[in-house]
Amino acid sequence: VDDMANEISTLFLKVITEITGKVLIELIRMNYYKIS
């Protein structure tokens, strides 16, 4: 169970990290636009 749980959670955490990164980039872009 632990092996499978670790494999799936690693897969989903990668997705969360990618989404978080994209959101952060978008926030930076939006803030840059507002400041400009």
PDB file of all heavy atoms in Angstrom:
ATOM      1  N   VAL A   1       0.840  -1.198   0.000  1.00  0.00           N
ATOM      2  CA  VAL A   1       0.000   0.000   0.000  1.00  0.00           C
ATOM      3  C   VAL A   1       0.878   1.252   0.000  1.00  0.00           C
ATOM      4  O   VAL A   1       0.634   2.198  -0.747  1.00  0.00           O
ATOM      5  CB  VAL A   1      -0.944   0.011   1.222  1.00  0.00           C
ATOM      6  CG1 VAL A   1      -1.650   1.363   1.340  1.00  0.00           C
ATOM      7  CG2 VAL A   1      -1.959  -1.109   1.116  1.00  0.00           C
ATOM      8  N   ASP A   2       1.920   1.243   0.835  1.00  0.00           N
ATOM      9  CA  ASP A   2       2.813   2.408   0.926  1.00  0.00           C
ATOM     10  C   ASP A   2       3.530   2.675  -0.385  1.00  0.00           C
ATOM     11  O   ASP A   2       3.698   3.838  -0.777  1.00  0.00           O
ATOM     12  CB  ASP A   2       3.834   2.204   2.055  1.00  0.00           C
ATOM     13  CG  ASP A   2       3.206   2.354   3.432  1.00  0.00           C
ATOM     14  OD1 ASP A   2       2.123   2.957   3.521  1.00  0.00           O
ATOM     15  OD2 ASP A   2       3.804   1.865   4.406  1.00  0.00           O
ATOM     16  N   ASP A   3       3.950   1.612  -1.064  1.00  0.00           N
ATOM     17  CA  ASP A   3       4.631   1.792  -2.357  1.00  0.00           C
ATOM     18  C   ASP A   3       3.711   2.473  -3.364  1.00  0.00           C
ATOM     19  O   ASP A   3       4.106   3.417  -4.046  1.00  0.00           O
ATOM     20  CB  ASP A   3       5.082   0.436  -2.909  1.00  0.00           C
ATOM     21  CG  ASP A   3       6.273  -0.142  -2.152  1.00  0.00           C
ATOM     22  OD1 ASP A   3       6.954   0.632  -1.446  1.00  0.00           O
ATOM     23  OD2 ASP A   3       6.505  -1.367  -2.255  1.00  0.00           O
ATOM     24  N   MET A   4       2.480   1.978  -3.450  1.00  0.00           N
ATOM     25  CA  MET A   4       1.535   2.544  -4.413  1.00  0.00           C
ATOM     26  C   MET A   4       1.130   3.954  -4.010  1.00  0.00           C
ATOM     27  O   MET A   4       1.009   4.847  -4.855  1.00  0.00           O
ATOM     28  CB  MET A   4       0.302   1.638  -4.521  1.00  0.00           C
ATOM     29  CG  MET A   4      -0.694   2.058  -5.600  1.00  0.00           C
ATOM     30  SD  MET A   4       0.021   2.114  -7.273  1.00  0.00           S
ATOM     31  CE  MET A   4       0.307   0.359  -7.575  1.00  0.00           C
ATOM     32  N   ALA A   5       0.930   4.175  -2.717  1.00  0.00           N
ATOM     33  CA  ALA A   5       0.554   5.506  -2.229  1.00  0.00           C
ATOM     34  C   ALA A   5       1.660   6.519  -2.516  1.00  0.00           C
ATOM     35  O   ALA A   5       1.378   7.652  -2.923  1.00  0.00           O
ATOM     36  CB  ALA A   5       0.265   5.456  -0.731  1.00  0.00           C
ATOM     37  N   ASN A   6       2.910   6.115  -2.321  1.00  0.00           N
ATOM     38  CA  ASN A   6       4.034   7.020  -2.596  1.00  0.00           C
ATOM     39  C   ASN A   6       4.125   7.349  -4.082  1.00  0.00           C
ATOM     40  O   ASN A   6       4.393   8.496  -4.453  1.00  0.00           O
ATOM     41  CB  ASN A   6       5.342   6.381  -2.127  1.00  0.00           C
ATOM     42  CG  ASN A   6       5.482   6.366  -0.623  1.00  0.00           C
ATOM     43  OD1 ASN A   6       4.880   7.185   0.063  1.00  0.00           O
ATOM     44  ND2 ASN A   6       6.265   5.436  -0.096  1.00  0.00           N
ATOM     45  N   GLU A   7       3.877   6.357  -4.923  1.00  0.00           N
ATOM     46  CA  GLU A   7       3.964   6.571  -6.371  1.00  0.00           C
ATOM     47  C   GLU A   7       2.873   7.544  -6.846  1.00  0.00           C
ATOM     48  O   GLU A   7       3.125   8.454  -7.640  1.00  0.00           O
ATOM     49  CB  GLU A   7       3.846   5.234  -7.104  1.00  0.00           C
ATOM     50  CG  GLU A   7       4.283   5.291  -8.557  1.00  0.00           C
ATOM     51  CD  GLU A   7       4.426   3.931  -9.194  1.00  0.00           C
ATOM     52  OE1 GLU A   7       4.244   2.907  -8.502  1.00  0.00           O
ATOM     53  OE2 GLU A   7       4.719   3.877 -10.409  1.00  0.00           O
ATOM     54  N   ILE A   8       1.659   7.348  -6.338  1.00  0.00           N
ATOM     55  CA  ILE A   8       0.543   8.208  -6.742  1.00  0.00           C
ATOM     56  C   ILE A   8       0.696   9.610  -6.168  1.00  0.00           C
ATOM     57  O   ILE A   8       0.474  10.608  -6.866  1.00  0.00           O
ATOM     58  CB  ILE A   8      -0.803   7.597  -6.309  1.00  0.00           C
ATOM     59  CG1 ILE A   8      -1.067   6.308  -7.091  1.00  0.00           C
ATOM     60  CG2 ILE A   8      -1.951   8.583  -6.529  1.00  0.00           C
ATOM     61  CD1 ILE A   8      -2.301   5.563  -6.649  1.00  0.00           C
ATOM     62  N   SER A   9       1.074   9.717  -4.902  1.00  0.00           N
ATOM     63  CA  SER A   9       1.225  11.041  -4.288  1.00  0.00           C
ATOM     64  C   SER A   9       2.349  11.825  -4.954  1.00  0.00           C
ATOM     65  O   SER A   9       2.236  13.044  -5.130  1.00  0.00           O
ATOM     66  CB  SER A   9       1.477  10.914  -2.787  1.00  0.00           C
ATOM     67  OG  SER A   9       2.619  10.125  -2.511  1.00  0.00           O
ATOM     68  N   THR A  10       3.417  11.144  -5.360  1.00  0.00           N
ATOM     69  CA  THR A  10       4.501  11.814  -6.098  1.00  0.00           C
ATOM     70  C   THR A  10       3.989  12.370  -7.416  1.00  0.00           C
ATOM     71  O   THR A  10       4.304  13.494  -7.806  1.00  0.00           O
ATOM     72  CB  THR A  10       5.662  10.834  -6.356  1.00  0.00           C
ATOM     73  OG1 THR A  10       6.186  10.384  -5.106  1.00  0.00           O
ATOM     74  CG2 THR A  10       6.765  11.505  -7.164  1.00  0.00           C
ATOM     75  N   LEU A  11       3.152  11.568  -8.091  1.00  0.00           N
ATOM     76  CA  LEU A  11       2.566  12.000  -9.360  1.00  0.00           C
ATOM     77  C   LEU A  11       1.689  13.231  -9.168  1.00  0.00           C
ATOM     78  O   LEU A  11       1.809  14.223  -9.891  1.00  0.00           O
ATOM     79  CB  LEU A  11       1.743  10.859  -9.949  1.00  0.00           C
ATOM     80  CG  LEU A  11       0.924  11.165 -11.217  1.00  0.00           C
ATOM     81  CD1 LEU A  11       1.859  11.446 -12.390  1.00  0.00           C
ATOM     82  CD2 LEU A  11       0.002   9.994 -11.533  1.00  0.00           C
ATOM     83  N   PHE A  12       0.825  13.201  -8.167  1.00  0.00           N
ATOM     84  CA  PHE A  12      -0.081  14.318  -7.929  1.00  0.00           C
ATOM     85  C   PHE A  12       0.648  15.546  -7.393  1.00  0.00           C
ATOM     86  O   PHE A  12       0.289  16.678  -7.717  1.00  0.00           O
ATOM     87  CB  PHE A  12      -1.198  13.895  -6.970  1.00  0.00           C
ATOM     88  CG  PHE A  12      -2.248  13.024  -7.599  1.00  0.00           C
ATOM     89  CD1 PHE A  12      -3.033  12.178  -6.813  1.00  0.00           C
ATOM     90  CD2 PHE A  12      -2.470  13.021  -8.966  1.00  0.00           C
ATOM     91  CE1 PHE A  12      -4.016  11.381  -7.381  1.00  0.00           C
ATOM     92  CE2 PHE A  12      -3.439  12.219  -9.551  1.00  0.00           C
ATOM     93  CZ  PHE A  12      -4.217  11.389  -8.751  1.00  0.00           C
ATOM     94  N   LEU A  13       1.665  15.348  -6.569  1.00  0.00           N
ATOM     95  CA  LEU A  13       2.435  16.486  -6.050  1.00  0.00           C
ATOM     96  C   LEU A  13       3.163  17.211  -7.177  1.00  0.00           C
ATOM     97  O   LEU A  13       3.311  18.437  -7.152  1.00  0.00           O
ATOM     98  CB  LEU A  13       3.436  16.010  -4.995  1.00  0.00           C
ATOM     99  CG  LEU A  13       2.854  15.722  -3.606  1.00  0.00           C
ATOM    100  CD1 LEU A  13       3.904  15.088  -2.715  1.00  0.00           C
ATOM    101  CD2 LEU A  13       2.327  16.999  -2.964  1.00  0.00           C
ATOM    102  N   LYS A  14       3.593  16.454  -8.168  1.00  0.00           N
ATOM    103  CA  LYS A  14       4.233  17.068  -9.338  1.00  0.00           C
ATOM    104  C   LYS A  14       3.243  17.976 -10.056  1.00  0.00           C
ATOM    105  O   LYS A  14       3.584  19.084 -10.480  1.00  0.00           O
ATOM    106  CB  LYS A  14       4.736  15.982 -10.285  1.00  0.00           C
ATOM    107  CG  LYS A  14       5.455  16.536 -11.520  1.00  0.00           C
ATOM    108  CD  LYS A  14       5.923  15.401 -12.428  1.00  0.00           C
ATOM    109  CE  LYS A  14       6.596  15.949 -13.675  1.00  0.00           C
ATOM    110  NZ  LYS A  14       6.995  14.864 -14.607  1.00  0.00           N
ATOM    111  N   VAL A  15       1.998  17.517 -10.173  1.00  0.00           N
ATOM    112  CA  VAL A  15       0.955  18.320 -10.811  1.00  0.00           C
ATOM    113  C   VAL A  15       0.705  19.592 -10.009  1.00  0.00           C
ATOM    114  O   VAL A  15       0.611  20.697 -10.561  1.00  0.00           O
ATOM    115  CB  VAL A  15      -0.359  17.504 -10.929  1.00  0.00           C
ATOM    116  CG1 VAL A  15      -1.490  18.391 -11.424  1.00  0.00           C
ATOM    117  CG2 VAL A  15      -0.162  16.321 -11.859  1.00  0.00           C
ATOM    118  N   ILE A  16       0.601  19.438  -8.673  1.00  0.00           N
ATOM    119  CA  ILE A  16       0.362  20.596  -7.809  1.00  0.00           C
ATOM    120  C   ILE A  16       1.496  21.609  -7.941  1.00  0.00           C
ATOM    121  O   ILE A  16       1.259  22.820  -8.022  1.00  0.00           O
ATOM    122  CB  ILE A  16       0.224  20.141  -6.337  1.00  0.00           C
ATOM    123  CG1 ILE A  16      -1.060  19.329  -6.163  1.00  0.00           C
ATOM    124  CG2 ILE A  16       0.212  21.339  -5.397  1.00  0.00           C
ATOM    125  CD1 ILE A  16      -1.178  18.655  -4.810  1.00  0.00           C
ATOM    126  N   THR A  17       2.733  21.132  -7.990  1.00  0.00           N
ATOM    127  CA  THR A  17       3.894  22.007  -8.124  1.00  0.00           C
ATOM    128  C   THR A  17       3.859  22.765  -9.442  1.00  0.00           C
ATOM    129  O   THR A  17       4.120  23.978  -9.487  1.00  0.00           O
ATOM    130  CB  THR A  17       5.193  21.186  -8.034  1.00  0.00           C
ATOM    131  OG1 THR A  17       5.229  20.499  -6.780  1.00  0.00           O
ATOM    132  CG2 THR A  17       6.419  22.089  -8.140  1.00  0.00           C
ATOM    133  N   GLU A  18       3.509  22.063 -10.525  1.00  0.00           N
ATOM    134  CA  GLU A  18       3.432  22.707 -11.840  1.00  0.00           C
ATOM    135  C   GLU A  18       2.338  23.763 -11.863  1.00  0.00           C
ATOM    136  O   GLU A  18       2.517  24.863 -12.384  1.00  0.00           O
ATOM    137  CB  GLU A  18       3.185  21.651 -12.919  1.00  0.00           C
ATOM    138  CG  GLU A  18       4.380  20.738 -13.156  1.00  0.00           C
ATOM    139  CD  GLU A  18       4.071  19.631 -14.144  1.00  0.00           C
ATOM    140  OE1 GLU A  18       2.890  19.498 -14.532  1.00  0.00           O
ATOM    141  OE2 GLU A  18       4.990  18.894 -14.521  1.00  0.00           O
ATOM    142  N   ILE A  19       1.176  23.433 -11.282  1.00  0.00           N
ATOM    143  CA  ILE A  19       0.065  24.389 -11.245  1.00  0.00           C
ATOM    144  C   ILE A  19       0.444  25.605 -10.417  1.00  0.00           C
ATOM    145  O   ILE A  19       0.214  26.754 -10.808  1.00  0.00           O
ATOM    146  CB  ILE A  19      -1.203  23.718 -10.663  1.00  0.00           C
ATOM    147  CG1 ILE A  19      -1.734  22.665 -11.634  1.00  0.00           C
ATOM    148  CG2 ILE A  19      -2.284  24.759 -10.391  1.00  0.00           C
ATOM    149  CD1 ILE A  19      -2.842  21.819 -11.060  1.00  0.00           C
ATOM    150  N   THR A  20       1.069  25.362  -9.256  1.00  0.00           N
ATOM    151  CA  THR A  20       1.478  26.451  -8.376  1.00  0.00           C
ATOM    152  C   THR A  20       2.461  27.370  -9.087  1.00  0.00           C
ATOM    153  O   THR A  20       2.376  28.601  -8.991  1.00  0.00           O
ATOM    154  CB  THR A  20       2.118  25.896  -7.094  1.00  0.00           C
ATOM    155  OG1 THR A  20       1.186  25.031  -6.448  1.00  0.00           O
ATOM    156  CG2 THR A  20       2.483  27.018  -6.142  1.00  0.00           C
ATOM    157  N   GLY A  21       3.391  26.766  -9.819  1.00  0.00           N
ATOM    158  CA  GLY A  21       4.375  27.562 -10.557  1.00  0.00           C
ATOM    159  C   GLY A  21       3.728  28.429 -11.612  1.00  0.00           C
ATOM    160  O   GLY A  21       4.057  29.616 -11.756  1.00  0.00           O
ATOM    161  N   LYS A  22       2.765  27.879 -12.343  1.00  0.00           N
ATOM    162  CA  LYS A  22       2.067  28.645 -13.377  1.00  0.00           C
ATOM    163  C   LYS A  22       1.262  29.786 -12.763  1.00  0.00           C
ATOM    164  O   LYS A  22       1.215  30.888 -13.302  1.00  0.00           O
ATOM    165  CB  LYS A  22       1.153  27.716 -14.184  1.00  0.00           C
ATOM    166  CG  LYS A  22       1.900  26.731 -15.071  1.00  0.00           C
ATOM    167  CD  LYS A  22       0.936  25.802 -15.794  1.00  0.00           C
ATOM    168  CE  LYS A  22       1.685  24.797 -16.656  1.00  0.00           C
ATOM    169  NZ  LYS A  22       0.758  23.856 -17.328  1.00  0.00           N
ATOM    170  N   VAL A  23       0.621  29.513 -11.639  1.00  0.00           N
ATOM    171  CA  VAL A  23      -0.160  30.546 -10.963  1.00  0.00           C
ATOM    172  C   VAL A  23       0.756  31.670 -10.492  1.00  0.00           C
ATOM    173  O   VAL A  23       0.434  32.850 -10.620  1.00  0.00           O
ATOM    174  CB  VAL A  23      -0.934  29.944  -9.762  1.00  0.00           C
ATOM    175  CG1 VAL A  23      -1.548  31.046  -8.916  1.00  0.00           C
ATOM    176  CG2 VAL A  23      -2.025  28.999 -10.257  1.00  0.00           C
ATOM    177  N   LEU A  24       1.925  31.296  -9.946  1.00  0.00           N
ATOM    178  CA  LEU A  24       2.874  32.302  -9.463  1.00  0.00           C
ATOM    179  C   LEU A  24       3.368  33.185 -10.605  1.00  0.00           C
ATOM    180  O   LEU A  24       3.432  34.409 -10.475  1.00  0.00           O
ATOM    181  CB  LEU A  24       4.060  31.602  -8.785  1.00  0.00           C
ATOM    182  CG  LEU A  24       5.141  32.510  -8.185  1.00  0.00           C
ATOM    183  CD1 LEU A  24       4.519  33.410  -7.116  1.00  0.00           C
ATOM    184  CD2 LEU A  24       6.274  31.677  -7.597  1.00  0.00           C
ATOM    185  N   ILE A  25       3.668  32.563 -11.729  1.00  0.00           N
ATOM    186  CA  ILE A  25       4.127  33.325 -12.894  1.00  0.00           C
ATOM    187  C   ILE A  25       3.039  34.285 -13.351  1.00  0.00           C
ATOM    188  O   ILE A  25       3.299  35.444 -13.690  1.00  0.00           O
ATOM    189  CB  ILE A  25       4.524  32.367 -14.042  1.00  0.00           C
ATOM    190  CG1 ILE A  25       5.804  31.609 -13.662  1.00  0.00           C
ATOM    191  CG2 ILE A  25       4.711  33.132 -15.346  1.00  0.00           C
ATOM    192  CD1 ILE A  25       6.157  30.504 -14.627  1.00  0.00           C
ATOM    193  N   GLU A  26       1.784  33.820 -13.355  1.00  0.00           N
ATOM    194  CA  GLU A  26       0.670  34.657 -13.784  1.00  0.00           C
ATOM    195  C   GLU A  26       0.470  35.826 -12.818  1.00  0.00           C
ATOM    196  O   GLU A  26       0.209  36.963 -13.237  1.00  0.00           O
ATOM    197  CB  GLU A  26      -0.613  33.821 -13.873  1.00  0.00           C
ATOM    198  CG  GLU A  26      -1.834  34.593 -14.352  1.00  0.00           C
ATOM    199  CD  GLU A  26      -1.703  35.142 -15.763  1.00  0.00           C
ATOM    200  OE1 GLU A  26      -0.817  34.678 -16.504  1.00  0.00           O
ATOM    201  OE2 GLU A  26      -2.476  36.052 -16.109  1.00  0.00           O
ATOM    202  N   LEU A  27       0.623  35.559 -11.507  1.00  0.00           N
ATOM    203  CA  LEU A  27       0.487  36.629 -10.523  1.00  0.00           C
ATOM    204  C   LEU A  27       1.581  37.679 -10.700  1.00  0.00           C
ATOM    205  O   LEU A  27       1.320  38.888 -10.609  1.00  0.00           O
ATOM    206  CB  LEU A  27       0.544  36.043  -9.106  1.00  0.00           C
ATOM    207  CG  LEU A  27      -0.686  35.271  -8.643  1.00  0.00           C
ATOM    208  CD1 LEU A  27      -0.409  34.599  -7.303  1.00  0.00           C
ATOM    209  CD2 LEU A  27      -1.894  36.197  -8.526  1.00  0.00           C
ATOM    210  N   ILE A  28       2.790  37.218 -10.948  1.00  0.00           N
ATOM    211  CA  ILE A  28       3.902  38.146 -11.182  1.00  0.00           C
ATOM    212  C   ILE A  28       3.622  38.995 -12.415  1.00  0.00           C
ATOM    213  O   ILE A  28       3.825  40.211 -12.427  1.00  0.00           O
ATOM    214  CB  ILE A  28       5.231  37.381 -11.345  1.00  0.00           C
ATOM    215  CG1 ILE A  28       5.614  36.724 -10.006  1.00  0.00           C
ATOM    216  CG2 ILE A  28       6.342  38.301 -11.832  1.00  0.00           C
ATOM    217  CD1 ILE A  28       6.792  35.788 -10.105  1.00  0.00           C
ATOM    218  N   ARG A  29       3.126  38.333 -13.486  1.00  0.00           N
ATOM    219  CA  ARG A  29       2.825  39.057 -14.719  1.00  0.00           C
ATOM    220  C   ARG A  29       1.746  40.107 -14.476  1.00  0.00           C
ATOM    221  O   ARG A  29       1.845  41.249 -14.925  1.00  0.00           O
ATOM    222  CB  ARG A  29       2.362  38.073 -15.799  1.00  0.00           C
ATOM    223  CG  ARG A  29       2.166  38.717 -17.174  1.00  0.00           C
ATOM    224  CD  ARG A  29       1.445  37.778 -18.108  1.00  0.00           C
ATOM    225  NE  ARG A  29       0.079  37.562 -17.686  1.00  0.00           N
ATOM    226  CZ  ARG A  29      -0.908  38.442 -17.892  1.00  0.00           C
ATOM    227  NH1 ARG A  29      -0.662  39.601 -18.489  1.00  0.00           N
ATOM    228  NH2 ARG A  29      -2.139  38.167 -17.495  1.00  0.00           N
ATOM    229  N   MET A  30       0.687  39.720 -13.734  1.00  0.00           N
ATOM    230  CA  MET A  30      -0.420  40.643 -13.472  1.00  0.00           C
ATOM    231  C   MET A  30       0.043  41.824 -12.615  1.00  0.00           C
ATOM    232  O   MET A  30      -0.322  42.968 -12.872  1.00  0.00           O
ATOM    233  CB  MET A  30      -1.555  39.902 -12.771  1.00  0.00           C
ATOM    234  CG  MET A  30      -2.286  38.920 -13.675  1.00  0.00           C
ATOM    235  SD  MET A  30      -3.506  37.925 -12.772  1.00  0.00           S
ATOM    236  CE  MET A  30      -4.640  39.217 -12.266  1.00  0.00           C
ATOM    237  N   ASN A  31       0.856  41.528 -11.611  1.00  0.00           N
ATOM    238  CA  ASN A  31       1.355  42.609 -10.745  1.00  0.00           C
ATOM    239  C   ASN A  31       2.270  43.547 -11.515  1.00  0.00           C
ATOM    240  O   ASN A  31       2.246  44.760 -11.321  1.00  0.00           O
ATOM    241  CB  ASN A  31       2.102  42.017  -9.546  1.00  0.00           C
ATOM    242  CG  ASN A  31       1.145  41.451  -8.511  1.00  0.00           C
ATOM    243  OD1 ASN A  31       0.024  41.936  -8.383  1.00  0.00           O
ATOM    244  ND2 ASN A  31       1.569  40.434  -7.785  1.00  0.00           N
ATOM    245  N   TYR A  32       3.069  42.971 -12.419  1.00  0.00           N
ATOM    246  CA  TYR A  32       3.949  43.793 -13.248  1.00  0.00           C
ATOM    247  C   TYR A  32       3.122  44.727 -14.130  1.00  0.00           C
ATOM    248  O   TYR A  32       3.410  45.912 -14.282  1.00  0.00           O
ATOM    249  CB  TYR A  32       4.837  42.909 -14.120  1.00  0.00           C
ATOM    250  CG  TYR A  32       5.686  43.691 -15.101  1.00  0.00           C
ATOM    251  CD1 TYR A  32       6.850  44.340 -14.691  1.00  0.00           C
ATOM    252  CD2 TYR A  32       5.314  43.783 -16.454  1.00  0.00           C
ATOM    253  CE1 TYR A  32       7.620  45.072 -15.582  1.00  0.00           C
ATOM    254  CE2 TYR A  32       6.066  44.510 -17.341  1.00  0.00           C
ATOM    255  CZ  TYR A  32       7.225  45.150 -16.907  1.00  0.00           C
ATOM    256  OH  TYR A  32       7.980  45.862 -17.798  1.00  0.00           O
ATOM    257  N   TYR A  33       2.025  44.182 -14.671  1.00  0.00           N
ATOM    258  CA  TYR A  33       1.143  44.984 -15.521  1.00  0.00           C
ATOM    259  C   TYR A  33       0.507  46.119 -14.722  1.00  0.00           C
ATOM    260  O   TYR A  33       0.451  47.263 -15.170  1.00  0.00           O
ATOM    261  CB  TYR A  33       0.054  44.085 -16.117  1.00  0.00           C
ATOM    262  CG  TYR A  33      -1.002  44.847 -16.894  1.00  0.00           C
ATOM    263  CD1 TYR A  33      -0.754  45.297 -18.190  1.00  0.00           C
ATOM    264  CD2 TYR A  33      -2.249  45.119 -16.322  1.00  0.00           C
ATOM    265  CE1 TYR A  33      -1.721  46.004 -18.894  1.00  0.00           C
ATOM    266  CE2 TYR A  33      -3.213  45.818 -17.015  1.00  0.00           C
ATOM    267  CZ  TYR A  33      -2.941  46.263 -18.307  1.00  0.00           C
ATOM    268  OH  TYR A  33      -3.888  46.964 -18.987  1.00  0.00           O
ATOM    269  N   LYS A  34       0.043  45.793 -13.500  1.00  0.00           N
ATOM    270  CA  LYS A  34      -0.580  46.817 -12.659  1.00  0.00           C
ATOM    271  C   LYS A  34       0.407  47.926 -12.305  1.00  0.00           C
ATOM    272  O   LYS A  34       0.090  49.116 -12.356  1.00  0.00           O
ATOM    273  CB  LYS A  34      -1.124  46.181 -11.381  1.00  0.00           C
ATOM    274  CG  LYS A  34      -2.340  45.292 -11.600  1.00  0.00           C
ATOM    275  CD  LYS A  34      -2.785  44.655 -10.296  1.00  0.00           C
ATOM    276  CE  LYS A  34      -3.986  43.740 -10.518  1.00  0.00           C
ATOM    277  NZ  LYS A  34      -4.384  43.068  -9.261  1.00  0.00           N
ATOM    278  N   ILE A  35       1.642  47.535 -11.949  1.00  0.00           N
ATOM    279  CA  ILE A  35       2.662  48.523 -11.578  1.00  0.00           C
ATOM    280  C   ILE A  35       3.015  49.399 -12.772  1.00  0.00           C
ATOM    281  O   ILE A  35       3.124  50.619 -12.671  1.00  0.00           O
ATOM    282  CB  ILE A  35       3.916  47.814 -11.031  1.00  0.00           C
ATOM    283  CG1 ILE A  35       3.586  47.141  -9.692  1.00  0.00           C
ATOM    284  CG2 ILE A  35       5.073  48.798 -10.854  1.00  0.00           C
ATOM    285  CD1 ILE A  35       4.680  46.213  -9.190  1.00  0.00           C
ATOM    286  N   SER A  36       3.176  48.748 -13.949  1.00  0.00           N
ATOM    287  CA  SER A  36       3.521  49.488 -15.155  1.00  0.00           C
ATOM    288  C   SER A  36       2.426  50.489 -15.522  1.00  0.00           C
ATOM    289  O   SER A  36       2.695  51.624 -15.907  1.00  0.00           O
ATOM    290  CB  SER A  36       3.757  48.519 -16.326  1.00  0.00           C
ATOM    291  OG  SER A  36       4.802  47.638 -16.035  1.00  0.00           O
TER     292      SER A  36
END
